[in-house]
Amino acid sequence: MTSSQHRSRSSTYPAVDVVAVQRRTVSVLIVGQILGGIGIGCTVSIGAVMAANISGSDALSGTATTLSTLGAAASAIPLARLAQRLGRRRALTTGALLAATGSVVAIVAATLSSFPVLLLAFAFLGVGTAVNLQARFAATDLASPEHRGRDLSLVVWFTTIGAVLGPNLIGPGETIASTLQMPSLTGSFLIAVFAQLAAATVYLVALRPDPYLLSKSNATQNTDDVVPGAIRGRGPLVFAIGSIAISHAVMVSVMSMTPVHLINHGVTLTIIGLTISLHIAGMFALSPVFGWLSDKVGRVSTILMGQGLFAVSLPIVALGEDDPVLVTVGLVFLGLGWSASTVAGSALVADLVTGSARPKIQGRTDLFMNLAGAVGGAAAGVALVLIGYAGLAWAASVLVLVVVAGSLVVRSEVTRAAP
């Protein structure tokens, strides 16, 4: 860095109270997560049903999740690069605006009964997921190492409010659609438009100073006494990213087919909305507990706890496939397993990567996470037709064993590499 660049950076961010800025940053991210969670929750629970209706095939219902996760994957690296170049504020704002665009395109697709246009809409909607994922990493930019899990999990937790509320807006959304003479199922997408626009406004106006840019500035020297851009352990980093990706694939594959499975068993949209809401509550409601555990008992131990919760969930879903209550219970445990694995895995990524390398590696983490979800969602639709809902749950169980085996290989190395 030249002396002029050094002076410019210092003048951009004069001496600040980093602890106070971190508290403000987490608060702003929480508000954005609530609004973004509403936008995602309004659409995720009804997307598979809309895809099946417009395409005329249950086998294609999984394309809703597939294209959403591909959209999240495709936008993960560009959003990370934008954050690296211009800061989290502009990256999160841009992503929320693209997600709002996706909801508009979905309404157009339903109006035209066009499946290709609907696939494009789902891809744009996936950007909203990428924004929510990047927000959890934004919470770690200024966090001290001993509180990374806590701060990250707090931001994840508040997604619960929006994500649980979102699916329960299906009924009001249908009322809005009927009043405005819009196509069936599009009212939820209209609600999502306004939720994502509100989230974009919050990020643009309130996320100042930018946490990532401030963490880079000469004024903070932040939390790491290491060379900027260092990776502390490549083996543990591969495990951390892999555990996040595989856990996401397990969750997405089962969750995405649940609405279609329940509809085929005559369950109403209201009950389906409640089921998905409880699942999402499982994904987010206990994230502060898992964040605290990952700080106190270790990242790998908490990841293994998540796999244990999957091991409870999947047999319940498989053996209770004909009982909506048991399916709901299984989905709650599925969400809890995802939460423990994702919170601890994300904190481990933040531990192992420092300085300017963080946004890049975090972007790659979200890329692999969403690619795994896309594969899981695509395979789940076919599996539902070929081996049924129970067969899908048993097949997902194999992936749990992969993460457990990986933890045994790298556990000692993680202990040495993590701060």
Protein backbone atom coordinates (compact mmCIF):
# COMPACT_ATOMS: atom_id res chain seq x y z
CA MET A 1 0.00 0.00 0.00
CA THR A 2 1.36 3.41 -0.90
CA SER A 3 1.63 6.22 1.64
CA SER A 4 -1.10 8.19 -0.13
CA GLN A 5 -3.45 5.19 0.00
CA HIS A 6 -2.60 4.77 3.68
CA ARG A 7 -3.49 8.40 4.44
CA SER A 8 -6.68 8.16 2.36
CA ARG A 9 -7.90 5.08 4.21
CA SER A 10 -7.15 6.59 7.58
CA SER A 11 -8.98 9.78 6.71
CA THR A 12 -11.99 7.80 5.44
CA TYR A 13 -12.44 6.16 8.84
CA PRO A 14 -11.16 8.25 11.73
CA ALA A 15 -10.78 6.60 15.11
CA VAL A 16 -14.09 4.99 16.10
CA ASP A 17 -15.48 2.84 18.88
CA VAL A 18 -15.40 -0.51 17.08
CA VAL A 19 -17.52 -2.21 19.75
CA ALA A 20 -20.27 0.40 19.33
CA VAL A 21 -20.11 0.16 15.54
CA GLN A 22 -20.37 -3.63 15.76
CA ARG A 23 -23.49 -3.34 17.94
CA ARG A 24 -25.05 -0.96 15.40
CA THR A 25 -24.04 -3.19 12.50
CA VAL A 26 -25.63 -6.25 14.08
CA SER A 27 -28.83 -4.25 14.77
CA VAL A 28 -29.08 -3.08 11.16
CA LEU A 29 -28.39 -6.57 9.84
CA ILE A 30 -31.11 -7.93 12.12
CA VAL A 31 -33.72 -5.55 10.67
CA GLY A 32 -32.62 -6.40 7.14
CA GLN A 33 -32.80 -10.12 7.94
CA ILE A 34 -36.34 -9.82 9.25
CA LEU A 35 -37.52 -8.06 6.10
CA GLY A 36 -35.54 -10.32 3.80
CA GLY A 37 -36.83 -13.34 5.69
CA ILE A 38 -40.40 -12.25 4.99
CA GLY A 39 -39.54 -11.99 1.30
CA ILE A 40 -38.00 -15.46 1.22
CA GLY A 41 -40.61 -17.06 3.47
CA CYS A 42 -43.46 -15.72 1.33
CA THR A 43 -42.09 -17.49 -1.73
CA VAL A 44 -40.22 -20.62 -0.63
CA SER A 45 -43.26 -22.44 0.71
CA ILE A 46 -45.37 -21.84 -2.39
CA GLY A 47 -42.70 -21.99 -5.11
CA ALA A 48 -42.80 -25.77 -5.59
CA VAL A 49 -46.60 -25.72 -5.79
CA MET A 50 -46.55 -22.94 -8.41
CA ALA A 51 -43.91 -24.81 -10.42
CA ALA A 52 -46.01 -27.99 -10.36
CA ASN A 53 -49.17 -26.09 -11.35
CA ILE A 54 -47.63 -24.19 -14.25
CA SER A 55 -45.52 -27.09 -15.55
CA GLY A 56 -48.23 -29.69 -15.00
CA SER A 57 -45.75 -32.15 -13.46
CA ASP A 58 -44.86 -32.95 -9.84
CA ALA A 59 -41.46 -34.13 -11.07
CA LEU A 60 -40.69 -30.53 -12.05
CA SER A 61 -41.76 -29.10 -8.69
CA GLY A 62 -38.17 -29.36 -7.49
CA THR A 63 -37.09 -26.86 -10.14
CA ALA A 64 -38.35 -24.05 -7.88
CA THR A 65 -35.75 -24.87 -5.26
CA THR A 66 -33.15 -25.81 -7.87
CA LEU A 67 -33.33 -22.50 -9.71
CA SER A 68 -33.50 -20.53 -6.45
CA THR A 69 -30.40 -22.19 -5.13
CA LEU A 70 -28.65 -21.83 -8.49
CA GLY A 71 -29.53 -18.14 -8.41
CA ALA A 72 -28.08 -17.90 -4.91
CA ALA A 73 -24.99 -19.79 -6.04
CA ALA A 74 -24.51 -17.67 -9.17
CA SER A 75 -24.80 -14.44 -7.19
CA ALA A 76 -22.61 -15.48 -4.22
CA ILE A 77 -19.26 -14.71 -5.84
CA PRO A 78 -20.37 -11.45 -7.56
CA LEU A 79 -21.89 -10.18 -4.29
CA ALA A 80 -18.73 -11.14 -2.42
CA ARG A 81 -16.58 -9.31 -4.96
CA LEU A 82 -18.86 -6.30 -4.75
CA ALA A 83 -18.50 -6.35 -0.96
CA GLN A 84 -14.73 -6.66 -1.28
CA ARG A 85 -14.61 -3.69 -3.65
CA LEU A 86 -17.37 -1.39 -2.40
CA GLY A 87 -18.40 -2.79 0.99
CA ARG A 88 -21.22 -4.85 2.50
CA ARG A 89 -23.75 -1.99 2.29
CA ARG A 90 -23.80 -1.81 -1.49
CA ALA A 91 -23.59 -5.57 -1.95
CA LEU A 92 -26.54 -6.29 0.35
CA THR A 93 -28.61 -3.47 -1.15
CA THR A 94 -28.00 -4.69 -4.69
CA GLY A 95 -28.92 -8.26 -3.77
CA ALA A 96 -32.19 -7.26 -2.09
CA LEU A 97 -33.21 -5.24 -5.17
CA LEU A 98 -32.52 -8.23 -7.43
CA ALA A 99 -34.64 -10.44 -5.15
CA ALA A 100 -37.51 -7.95 -5.40
CA THR A 101 -37.17 -8.13 -9.18
CA GLY A 102 -37.53 -11.90 -8.95
CA SER A 103 -40.90 -11.60 -7.23
CA VAL A 104 -42.13 -9.25 -9.95
CA VAL A 105 -41.01 -11.70 -12.64
CA ALA A 106 -42.80 -14.55 -10.82
CA ILE A 107 -46.06 -12.61 -10.95
CA VAL A 108 -45.52 -12.05 -14.68
CA ALA A 109 -44.82 -15.77 -15.15
CA ALA A 110 -48.06 -16.75 -13.42
CA THR A 111 -49.99 -14.22 -15.50
CA LEU A 112 -48.53 -15.67 -18.72
CA SER A 113 -48.56 -19.30 -17.44
CA SER A 114 -44.98 -19.45 -18.65
CA PHE A 115 -42.75 -22.04 -17.03
CA PRO A 116 -39.48 -20.67 -18.54
CA VAL A 117 -40.27 -17.20 -17.19
CA LEU A 118 -41.04 -18.75 -13.80
CA LEU A 119 -37.61 -20.44 -13.79
CA LEU A 120 -36.02 -17.05 -14.44
CA ALA A 121 -38.01 -15.62 -11.53
CA PHE A 122 -36.78 -18.33 -9.17
CA ALA A 123 -33.19 -17.61 -10.17
CA PHE A 124 -33.62 -13.95 -9.23
CA LEU A 125 -35.40 -14.92 -6.01
CA GLY A 126 -32.37 -16.97 -5.07
CA VAL A 127 -30.34 -13.78 -4.80
CA GLY A 128 -32.36 -12.98 -1.67
CA THR A 129 -30.98 -16.14 -0.08
CA ALA A 130 -27.46 -15.07 -1.05
CA VAL A 131 -28.07 -11.72 0.66
CA ASN A 132 -29.22 -13.39 3.88
CA LEU A 133 -26.21 -15.67 3.81
CA GLN A 134 -23.79 -12.79 3.24
CA ALA A 135 -25.41 -10.85 6.08
CA ARG A 136 -24.33 -13.54 8.57
CA PHE A 137 -20.72 -13.08 7.49
CA ALA A 138 -21.10 -9.28 7.64
CA ALA A 139 -21.80 -9.77 11.36
CA THR A 140 -18.28 -11.19 11.78
CA ASP A 141 -16.34 -8.37 10.05
CA LEU A 142 -15.80 -6.44 13.29
CA ALA A 143 -16.54 -9.19 15.81
CA SER A 144 -13.87 -10.39 18.23
CA PRO A 145 -12.82 -14.05 17.71
CA GLU A 146 -14.46 -15.22 20.94
CA HIS A 147 -17.81 -13.69 19.92
CA ARG A 148 -17.94 -14.53 16.21
CA GLY A 149 -20.31 -17.46 16.70
CA ARG A 150 -22.57 -15.38 18.95
CA ASP A 151 -22.81 -12.35 16.63
CA LEU A 152 -23.26 -14.46 13.52
CA SER A 153 -25.98 -16.55 15.16
CA LEU A 154 -27.87 -13.49 16.42
CA VAL A 155 -28.24 -12.20 12.88
CA VAL A 156 -29.31 -15.67 11.73
CA TRP A 157 -31.80 -15.93 14.60
CA PHE A 158 -33.73 -12.82 13.69
CA THR A 159 -34.40 -14.26 10.26
CA THR A 160 -36.84 -16.44 12.21
CA ILE A 161 -39.32 -13.60 12.58
CA GLY A 162 -39.59 -12.89 8.87
CA ALA A 163 -39.12 -16.44 7.68
CA VAL A 164 -41.79 -17.85 10.00
CA LEU A 165 -44.18 -15.00 9.27
CA GLY A 166 -43.69 -15.29 5.50
CA PRO A 167 -45.30 -18.71 4.88
CA ASN A 168 -48.26 -17.72 7.05
CA LEU A 169 -48.90 -14.83 4.68
CA ILE A 170 -50.01 -17.28 1.97
CA GLY A 171 -53.66 -16.85 3.04
CA PRO A 172 -53.56 -13.03 3.20
CA GLY A 173 -51.60 -13.08 -0.04
CA GLU A 174 -54.38 -15.01 -1.74
CA THR A 175 -56.88 -12.45 -0.45
CA ILE A 176 -54.75 -9.65 -1.91
CA ALA A 177 -54.42 -11.51 -5.22
CA SER A 178 -58.17 -12.05 -5.39
CA THR A 179 -58.90 -8.39 -4.57
CA LEU A 180 -56.47 -7.17 -7.24
CA GLN A 181 -57.66 -9.88 -9.69
CA MET A 182 -54.18 -11.37 -9.88
CA PRO A 183 -53.48 -15.04 -10.72
CA SER A 184 -53.73 -17.61 -7.94
CA LEU A 185 -50.68 -17.95 -5.62
CA THR A 186 -49.19 -14.59 -6.68
CA GLY A 187 -50.26 -12.58 -3.64
CA SER A 188 -47.32 -13.91 -1.62
CA PHE A 189 -44.93 -12.70 -4.29
CA LEU A 190 -46.44 -9.22 -4.17
CA ILE A 191 -45.83 -9.11 -0.41
CA ALA A 192 -42.26 -10.28 -1.06
CA VAL A 193 -41.65 -7.35 -3.44
CA PHE A 194 -42.37 -4.80 -0.73
CA ALA A 195 -40.44 -6.74 1.92
CA GLN A 196 -37.27 -6.90 -0.21
CA LEU A 197 -37.54 -3.23 -1.19
CA ALA A 198 -37.78 -2.34 2.48
CA ALA A 199 -34.72 -4.49 3.24
CA ALA A 200 -32.75 -2.76 0.47
CA THR A 201 -33.66 0.63 1.94
CA VAL A 202 -32.49 -0.41 5.42
CA TYR A 203 -29.12 -1.61 4.14
CA LEU A 204 -28.57 1.43 1.94
CA VAL A 205 -29.49 4.02 4.54
CA ALA A 206 -28.46 2.51 7.87
CA LEU A 207 -25.43 0.27 7.30
CA ARG A 208 -22.95 3.08 7.95
CA PRO A 209 -20.06 2.92 8.54
CA ASP A 210 -19.64 -0.11 6.34
CA PRO A 211 -18.38 -2.97 8.57
CA TYR A 212 -16.11 -4.58 6.00
CA LEU A 213 -14.53 -1.35 4.83
CA LEU A 214 -14.06 -0.29 8.43
CA SER A 215 -12.45 -3.63 9.28
CA LYS A 216 -9.93 -3.01 6.50
CA SER A 217 -9.15 0.54 7.53
CA ASN A 218 -5.97 1.50 9.31
CA ALA A 219 -8.04 2.90 12.19
CA THR A 220 -9.25 -0.47 13.53
CA GLN A 221 -6.58 -3.14 12.92
CA ASN A 222 -9.58 -5.21 13.98
CA THR A 223 -9.45 -8.67 15.46
CA ASP A 224 -6.60 -10.58 13.85
CA ASP A 225 -2.87 -10.21 14.51
CA VAL A 226 -2.05 -12.13 11.32
CA VAL A 227 -1.05 -11.33 7.77
CA PRO A 228 -4.08 -10.00 5.81
CA GLY A 229 -5.54 -12.67 3.58
CA ALA A 230 -4.13 -15.65 5.52
CA ILE A 231 -5.78 -19.08 5.52
CA ARG A 232 -4.95 -20.89 8.75
CA GLY A 233 -5.69 -24.46 7.64
CA ARG A 234 -6.80 -25.69 4.24
CA GLY A 235 -7.95 -29.12 5.43
CA PRO A 236 -10.21 -27.67 8.14
CA LEU A 237 -11.44 -25.04 5.67
CA VAL A 238 -12.46 -27.73 3.18
CA PHE A 239 -14.26 -29.57 5.98
CA ALA A 240 -16.01 -26.40 7.15
CA ILE A 241 -17.24 -25.54 3.65
CA GLY A 242 -18.13 -29.17 2.93
CA SER A 243 -20.14 -29.59 6.12
CA ILE A 244 -22.13 -26.45 5.33
CA ALA A 245 -22.78 -27.55 1.74
CA ILE A 246 -23.74 -31.13 2.58
CA SER A 247 -25.99 -30.08 5.46
CA HIS A 248 -27.72 -27.64 3.15
CA ALA A 249 -28.26 -30.37 0.55
CA VAL A 250 -29.84 -32.63 3.19
CA MET A 251 -32.17 -29.89 4.37
CA VAL A 252 -33.17 -28.60 0.93
CA SER A 253 -33.85 -32.01 -0.59
CA VAL A 254 -36.36 -33.01 2.09
CA MET A 255 -37.86 -29.59 2.79
CA SER A 256 -38.48 -28.69 -0.86
CA MET A 257 -40.54 -31.83 -1.52
CA THR A 258 -42.62 -31.61 1.63
CA PRO A 259 -45.27 -29.18 0.25
CA VAL A 260 -45.77 -31.36 -2.85
CA HIS A 261 -45.93 -34.54 -0.75
CA LEU A 262 -48.48 -33.02 1.64
CA ILE A 263 -50.64 -31.62 -1.18
CA ASN A 264 -50.73 -35.08 -2.74
CA HIS A 265 -52.05 -36.33 0.62
CA GLY A 266 -54.84 -33.74 0.64
CA VAL A 267 -53.31 -31.35 3.17
CA THR A 268 -54.50 -27.72 2.88
CA LEU A 269 -52.25 -24.78 1.98
CA THR A 270 -52.79 -23.35 5.45
CA ILE A 271 -51.42 -26.48 7.13
CA ILE A 272 -48.55 -26.60 4.65
CA GLY A 273 -47.73 -23.00 5.49
CA LEU A 274 -47.72 -23.87 9.21
CA THR A 275 -45.49 -26.89 8.59
CA ILE A 276 -42.92 -24.86 6.67
CA SER A 277 -43.11 -22.09 9.28
CA LEU A 278 -42.27 -24.53 12.06
CA HIS A 279 -39.44 -25.96 9.96
CA ILE A 280 -38.03 -22.47 9.41
CA ALA A 281 -38.39 -21.80 13.12
CA GLY A 282 -36.22 -24.85 13.66
CA MET A 283 -33.69 -23.44 11.20
CA PHE A 284 -33.33 -20.13 13.00
CA ALA A 285 -34.95 -20.02 16.45
CA LEU A 286 -32.12 -21.74 18.35
CA SER A 287 -29.25 -20.33 16.30
CA PRO A 288 -28.00 -18.19 19.25
CA VAL A 289 -27.78 -21.37 21.33
CA PHE A 290 -25.77 -23.08 18.61
CA GLY A 291 -23.64 -19.96 18.22
CA TRP A 292 -22.90 -19.95 21.95
CA LEU A 293 -22.14 -23.68 21.87
CA SER A 294 -19.78 -23.26 18.93
CA ASP A 295 -17.91 -20.56 20.87
CA LYS A 296 -17.81 -22.61 24.10
CA VAL A 297 -17.56 -26.30 23.15
CA GLY A 298 -16.07 -25.96 19.68
CA ARG A 299 -17.09 -25.65 16.06
CA VAL A 300 -16.64 -29.32 15.13
CA SER A 301 -18.58 -30.56 18.18
CA THR A 302 -21.51 -28.30 17.24
CA ILE A 303 -21.39 -29.46 13.62
CA LEU A 304 -21.60 -33.05 14.86
CA MET A 305 -24.54 -32.06 17.06
CA GLY A 306 -26.26 -30.87 13.88
CA GLN A 307 -25.66 -34.22 12.21
CA GLY A 308 -27.13 -35.92 15.26
CA LEU A 309 -30.28 -33.83 14.89
CA PHE A 310 -30.46 -34.89 11.23
CA ALA A 311 -30.20 -38.49 12.42
CA VAL A 312 -33.30 -37.90 14.55
CA SER A 313 -35.19 -36.02 11.83
CA LEU A 314 -34.85 -38.24 8.79
CA PRO A 315 -36.20 -41.49 10.31
CA ILE A 316 -39.19 -39.59 11.71
CA VAL A 317 -39.94 -38.18 8.26
CA ALA A 318 -39.46 -41.54 6.55
CA LEU A 319 -41.47 -43.64 9.00
CA GLY A 320 -44.17 -41.00 9.51
CA GLU A 321 -44.64 -39.92 5.90
CA ASP A 322 -48.40 -40.52 5.99
CA ASP A 323 -48.93 -38.46 9.15
CA PRO A 324 -48.70 -34.65 8.68
CA VAL A 325 -47.95 -34.22 12.40
CA LEU A 326 -44.94 -36.55 12.28
CA VAL A 327 -43.75 -34.92 9.06
CA THR A 328 -43.91 -31.55 10.81
CA VAL A 329 -41.98 -32.86 13.83
CA GLY A 330 -39.36 -34.32 11.50
CA LEU A 331 -39.02 -31.03 9.67
CA VAL A 332 -38.48 -29.13 12.92
CA PHE A 333 -35.54 -31.42 13.76
CA LEU A 334 -34.34 -31.06 10.16
CA GLY A 335 -34.24 -27.30 10.65
CA LEU A 336 -32.40 -27.63 13.96
CA GLY A 337 -29.76 -29.87 12.37
CA TRP A 338 -29.24 -27.36 9.57
CA SER A 339 -28.95 -24.52 12.08
CA ALA A 340 -26.29 -26.16 14.25
CA SER A 341 -24.23 -27.24 11.25
CA THR A 342 -24.49 -23.96 9.36
CA VAL A 343 -23.83 -21.63 12.30
CA ALA A 344 -20.83 -23.61 13.53
CA GLY A 345 -19.49 -24.21 10.02
CA SER A 346 -19.78 -20.53 9.12
CA ALA A 347 -18.03 -19.49 12.34
CA LEU A 348 -15.26 -21.97 11.54
CA VAL A 349 -14.83 -20.41 8.08
CA ALA A 350 -14.55 -16.97 9.70
CA ASP A 351 -11.96 -18.37 12.14
CA LEU A 352 -9.80 -19.87 9.43
CA VAL A 353 -9.77 -17.00 6.92
CA THR A 354 -8.57 -13.50 7.74
CA GLY A 355 -8.30 -10.04 6.24
CA SER A 356 -9.02 -9.36 2.57
CA ALA A 357 -9.43 -13.07 1.78
CA ARG A 358 -12.59 -13.28 3.91
CA PRO A 359 -15.24 -12.03 1.44
CA LYS A 360 -13.76 -14.15 -1.36
CA ILE A 361 -13.73 -17.38 0.66
CA GLN A 362 -17.10 -16.58 2.20
CA GLY A 363 -18.49 -16.09 -1.30
CA ARG A 364 -17.10 -19.46 -2.33
CA THR A 365 -18.65 -21.00 0.79
CA ASP A 366 -22.07 -19.72 -0.21
CA LEU A 367 -21.45 -20.80 -3.83
CA PHE A 368 -20.78 -24.41 -2.82
CA MET A 369 -23.59 -24.31 -0.28
CA ASN A 370 -26.13 -23.27 -2.87
CA LEU A 371 -24.80 -25.56 -5.59
CA ALA A 372 -25.24 -28.44 -3.17
CA GLY A 373 -28.77 -27.23 -2.45
CA ALA A 374 -29.51 -26.99 -6.16
CA VAL A 375 -28.36 -30.55 -6.74
CA GLY A 376 -30.36 -31.69 -3.72
CA GLY A 377 -33.49 -29.90 -4.91
CA ALA A 378 -33.21 -31.24 -8.47
CA ALA A 379 -32.57 -34.79 -7.31
CA ALA A 380 -35.37 -34.58 -4.76
CA GLY A 381 -38.07 -34.03 -7.39
CA VAL A 382 -36.96 -37.10 -9.31
CA ALA A 383 -36.52 -39.11 -6.09
CA LEU A 384 -40.05 -38.23 -5.01
CA VAL A 385 -41.41 -39.80 -8.19
CA LEU A 386 -39.08 -42.84 -8.22
CA ILE A 387 -38.67 -43.85 -4.55
CA GLY A 388 -41.22 -41.72 -2.74
CA TYR A 389 -40.93 -39.28 0.13
CA ALA A 390 -39.69 -41.88 2.63
CA GLY A 391 -37.06 -43.10 0.18
CA LEU A 392 -35.86 -39.53 -0.26
CA ALA A 393 -35.38 -39.16 3.51
CA TRP A 394 -33.41 -42.42 3.76
CA ALA A 395 -31.21 -41.42 0.83
CA ALA A 396 -30.44 -38.07 2.49
CA SER A 397 -29.24 -39.96 5.58
CA VAL A 398 -26.19 -41.19 3.65
CA LEU A 399 -24.91 -37.61 3.39
CA VAL A 400 -24.96 -37.26 7.17
CA LEU A 401 -22.43 -40.08 7.43
CA VAL A 402 -20.10 -38.21 5.06
CA VAL A 403 -19.90 -35.19 7.40
CA VAL A 404 -19.38 -37.39 10.46
CA ALA A 405 -16.52 -39.21 8.71
CA GLY A 406 -14.95 -35.91 7.67
CA SER A 407 -15.01 -34.60 11.23
CA LEU A 408 -13.00 -37.59 12.42
CA VAL A 409 -10.31 -36.85 9.85
CA VAL A 410 -9.80 -33.14 10.55
CA ARG A 411 -10.77 -32.63 14.18
CA SER A 412 -7.25 -32.43 15.59
CA GLU A 413 -6.14 -30.17 12.74
CA VAL A 414 -9.05 -27.81 13.41
CA THR A 415 -7.97 -27.54 17.05
CA ARG A 416 -4.47 -26.50 15.97
CA ALA A 417 -5.59 -24.09 13.23
CA ALA A 418 -8.46 -22.21 14.90
CA PRO A 419 -7.60 -19.17 17.11
